[in-house]
Amino acid sequence: MTDTSYYKSISAKGKLAIRQKKAEAESMHQAPLGYRNVRANGRSTMERDPKKYRLVQLAKRMREEGNSINAVCRAMKARGLRSKRGKLIGPSSMHLILGRP
C-alpha cells in the first residue's frame, strides 16, 4: 500500500463514519448556547439546557422588541448568562447567538 492510497483509505473511512452519524441524526459538533451535548444509548445528541435556554429565548424576545444588542448584553450579564467557557458575552457574540434558529 502506497502512502497516497493509505491516506485515501483513511479519508474514505472518515467520510463513511460522518455519513452514518448524519443518517442516524447524531450530533457531531458542540451544542450552541442554550443547548448541551448528552450521550444516550451510545449516541451523542443535543438537548435544551434548562437555565440557559430560557435566557437565550428572553434575549431573542428583547431584540425583537427593539432593544439594542448592547442593552440585551447588559440584561443577560445581569441575569448571569455566560458563554460555555464562563466568559461574558459581548455584542458580536450576542449577534451570532440571536441569529441562530
Protein backbone atom coordinates (compact mmCIF):
# COMPACT_ATOMS: atom_id res chain seq x y z
CA MET A 1 0.00 0.00 0.00
CA THR A 2 1.49 3.34 -1.01
CA ASP A 3 1.30 6.43 1.12
CA THR A 4 -1.37 8.06 -1.03
CA SER A 5 -3.62 5.00 -1.07
CA TYR A 6 -3.28 4.78 2.72
CA TYR A 7 -4.45 8.37 3.15
CA LYS A 8 -7.28 7.86 0.65
CA SER A 9 -8.38 4.81 2.64
CA ILE A 10 -8.40 6.79 5.89
CA SER A 11 -10.32 9.61 4.19
CA ALA A 12 -12.93 7.20 2.84
CA LYS A 13 -13.43 5.65 6.29
CA GLY A 14 -13.86 9.10 7.87
CA LYS A 15 -16.39 10.17 5.25
CA LEU A 16 -18.34 6.94 5.76
CA ALA A 17 -18.43 7.48 9.54
CA ILE A 18 -19.74 11.03 9.08
CA ARG A 19 -22.45 9.87 6.67
CA GLN A 20 -23.55 7.22 9.17
CA LYS A 21 -23.73 9.74 12.01
CA LYS A 22 -25.77 12.12 9.87
CA ALA A 23 -28.13 9.32 8.82
CA GLU A 24 -28.73 8.47 12.50
CA ALA A 25 -29.23 12.17 13.40
CA GLU A 26 -26.30 12.02 15.77
CA SER A 27 -24.72 15.27 16.93
CA MET A 28 -21.16 15.83 15.72
CA HIS A 29 -20.48 19.38 16.93
CA GLN A 30 -20.54 21.38 20.12
CA ALA A 31 -24.09 22.35 21.01
CA PRO A 32 -24.94 26.06 20.65
CA LEU A 33 -25.56 28.24 23.69
CA GLY A 34 -28.87 27.21 25.28
CA TYR A 35 -28.33 23.54 24.48
CA ARG A 36 -25.96 20.87 25.76
CA ASN A 37 -24.46 17.71 24.35
CA VAL A 38 -25.62 14.50 26.01
CA ARG A 39 -24.73 10.89 25.43
CA ALA A 40 -27.65 8.42 25.42
CA ASN A 41 -27.59 4.80 24.25
CA GLY A 42 -24.11 5.26 22.82
CA ARG A 43 -25.21 8.22 20.67
CA SER A 44 -24.40 11.89 21.03
CA THR A 45 -27.41 14.20 20.87
CA MET A 46 -28.37 17.71 21.95
CA GLU A 47 -30.96 18.75 24.48
CA ARG A 48 -32.05 22.07 25.89
CA ASP A 49 -30.08 23.40 28.84
CA PRO A 50 -32.95 24.39 31.18
CA LYS A 51 -31.35 27.57 32.57
CA LYS A 52 -29.51 28.93 29.55
CA TYR A 53 -32.24 28.12 27.02
CA ARG A 54 -34.74 30.40 28.81
CA LEU A 55 -32.20 33.23 28.90
CA VAL A 56 -31.37 32.88 25.20
CA GLN A 57 -35.09 32.96 24.36
CA LEU A 58 -35.51 36.05 26.56
CA ALA A 59 -32.59 37.72 24.73
CA LYS A 60 -34.26 36.96 21.38
CA ARG A 61 -37.56 38.44 22.58
CA MET A 62 -35.79 41.56 23.86
CA ARG A 63 -34.11 42.06 20.49
CA GLU A 64 -37.40 41.56 18.62
CA GLU A 65 -38.96 44.22 20.85
CA GLY A 66 -36.37 46.70 19.59
CA ASN A 67 -33.71 46.64 22.29
CA SER A 68 -30.15 47.23 21.13
CA ILE A 69 -27.59 44.44 21.17
CA ASN A 70 -25.70 46.28 23.94
CA ALA A 71 -28.87 46.51 26.05
CA VAL A 72 -29.50 42.79 25.55
CA CYS A 73 -25.89 42.02 26.57
CA ARG A 74 -26.24 44.12 29.73
CA ALA A 75 -29.53 42.41 30.64
CA MET A 76 -28.08 38.94 30.09
CA LYS A 77 -24.98 39.85 32.11
CA ALA A 78 -27.27 40.92 34.98
CA ARG A 79 -29.13 37.61 34.75
CA GLY A 80 -25.90 35.59 34.73
CA LEU A 81 -25.79 34.33 31.14
CA ARG A 82 -22.23 33.35 30.28
CA SER A 83 -20.57 31.59 27.37
CA LYS A 84 -19.79 27.88 27.54
CA ARG A 85 -16.33 28.83 28.83
CA GLY A 86 -17.75 31.08 31.53
CA LYS A 87 -16.99 34.42 29.89
CA LEU A 88 -19.26 37.41 29.43
CA ILE A 89 -20.99 37.54 26.06
CA GLY A 90 -20.08 40.59 24.02
CA PRO A 91 -22.16 42.31 21.32
CA SER A 92 -20.61 40.45 18.36
CA SER A 93 -21.13 37.06 20.00
CA MET A 94 -24.66 38.01 21.04
CA HIS A 95 -25.43 38.98 17.45
CA LEU A 96 -24.35 35.48 16.31
CA ILE A 97 -26.36 33.79 19.07
CA LEU A 98 -29.50 35.74 18.22
CA GLY A 99 -29.14 34.92 14.53
CA ARG A 100 -29.32 31.17 15.09
CA PRO A 101 -32.65 29.40 14.60
